[in-house]
Amino acid sequence: MGRFLNPDYSAFETALNSEIYIDKTGLLAYTNKVINTKQAFICNSRPRRFGKSVTADMLTAYYSKGCDSADIFADY
């Protein structure tokens, strides 16, 4: 598995501003609910081309301390 070095939200912002985007921000509420529990492990399994990378980019943008993404998540 790769590691993100100095992640920012540019990949997620590009997807967010594209013509077609499936909103998966509901995962943020679930992740926030379980993050400090024993059930903190989340499996993001989907078939090929189902947005696993976009979901990972969204989670990186939301939880990263390296960038200020409050403006793109203001509605969530």
Protein backbone atom coordinates (compact mmCIF):
# COMPACT_ATOMS: atom_id res chain seq x y z
CA MET A 1 0.00 0.00 0.00
CA GLY A 2 1.33 3.44 -0.87
CA ARG A 3 1.82 6.31 1.51
CA PHE A 4 0.69 9.85 0.98
CA LEU A 5 3.42 12.42 1.51
CA ASN A 6 2.17 15.96 2.07
CA PRO A 7 -1.31 15.16 0.80
CA ASP A 8 -3.57 17.93 -0.33
CA TYR A 9 -7.12 17.97 -1.59
CA SER A 10 -6.42 18.75 -5.26
CA ALA A 11 -7.36 15.24 -6.49
CA PHE A 12 -10.63 15.30 -4.57
CA GLU A 13 -11.38 18.90 -5.57
CA THR A 14 -10.88 17.97 -9.24
CA ALA A 15 -13.37 15.10 -8.90
CA LEU A 16 -15.79 17.28 -6.93
CA ASN A 17 -15.83 19.91 -9.68
CA SER A 18 -16.15 17.41 -12.54
CA GLU A 19 -19.36 16.95 -14.50
CA ILE A 20 -20.15 13.56 -12.91
CA TYR A 21 -19.49 12.98 -9.22
CA ILE A 22 -21.11 10.44 -6.89
CA ASP A 23 -21.42 11.99 -3.44
CA LYS A 24 -19.94 9.62 -0.86
CA THR A 25 -19.56 12.16 1.94
CA GLY A 26 -21.97 10.08 4.05
CA LEU A 27 -18.92 7.94 4.74
CA LEU A 28 -17.44 10.87 6.67
CA ALA A 29 -20.23 10.78 9.27
CA TYR A 30 -19.79 7.04 9.71
CA THR A 31 -16.00 7.34 9.92
CA ASN A 32 -16.27 10.12 12.51
CA LYS A 33 -18.62 7.92 14.55
CA VAL A 34 -16.33 4.87 14.66
CA ILE A 35 -12.85 6.40 14.44
CA ASN A 36 -12.05 6.17 18.17
CA THR A 37 -13.73 2.82 18.81
CA LYS A 38 -12.68 -0.80 18.49
CA GLN A 39 -14.57 -0.89 15.18
CA ALA A 40 -12.34 1.79 13.63
CA PHE A 41 -11.36 -0.41 10.68
CA ILE A 42 -13.28 0.43 7.52
CA CYS A 43 -13.17 -1.73 4.41
CA ASN A 44 -13.78 0.20 1.20
CA SER A 45 -14.31 -2.72 -1.17
CA ARG A 46 -15.97 -2.08 -4.49
CA PRO A 47 -15.66 -3.54 -7.99
CA ARG A 48 -13.26 -2.02 -10.49
CA ARG A 49 -14.02 1.56 -11.53
CA PHE A 50 -16.41 2.20 -8.60
CA GLY A 51 -14.59 5.17 -7.06
CA LYS A 52 -12.31 3.64 -4.44
CA SER A 53 -9.56 6.13 -5.25
CA VAL A 54 -11.96 9.09 -5.18
CA THR A 55 -13.24 7.91 -1.80
CA ALA A 56 -9.68 7.59 -0.51
CA ASP A 57 -8.88 11.08 -1.86
CA MET A 58 -11.98 12.45 -0.10
CA LEU A 59 -10.96 10.89 3.22
CA THR A 60 -7.40 12.19 2.78
CA ALA A 61 -8.64 15.71 2.05
CA TYR A 62 -10.99 15.65 5.04
CA TYR A 63 -8.59 14.25 7.64
CA SER A 64 -5.27 15.68 6.40
CA LYS A 65 -3.55 18.18 8.65
CA GLY A 66 -1.40 19.30 5.73
CA CYS A 67 -4.10 21.31 3.97
CA ASP A 68 -7.03 23.53 4.78
CA SER A 69 -10.02 21.87 3.14
CA ALA A 70 -12.72 23.45 5.30
CA ASP A 71 -14.08 25.41 2.33
CA ILE A 72 -14.82 22.33 0.20
CA PHE A 73 -16.43 20.46 3.12
CA ALA A 74 -18.44 23.40 4.46
CA ASP A 75 -21.74 21.82 3.35
CA TYR A 76 -21.00 18.47 5.02
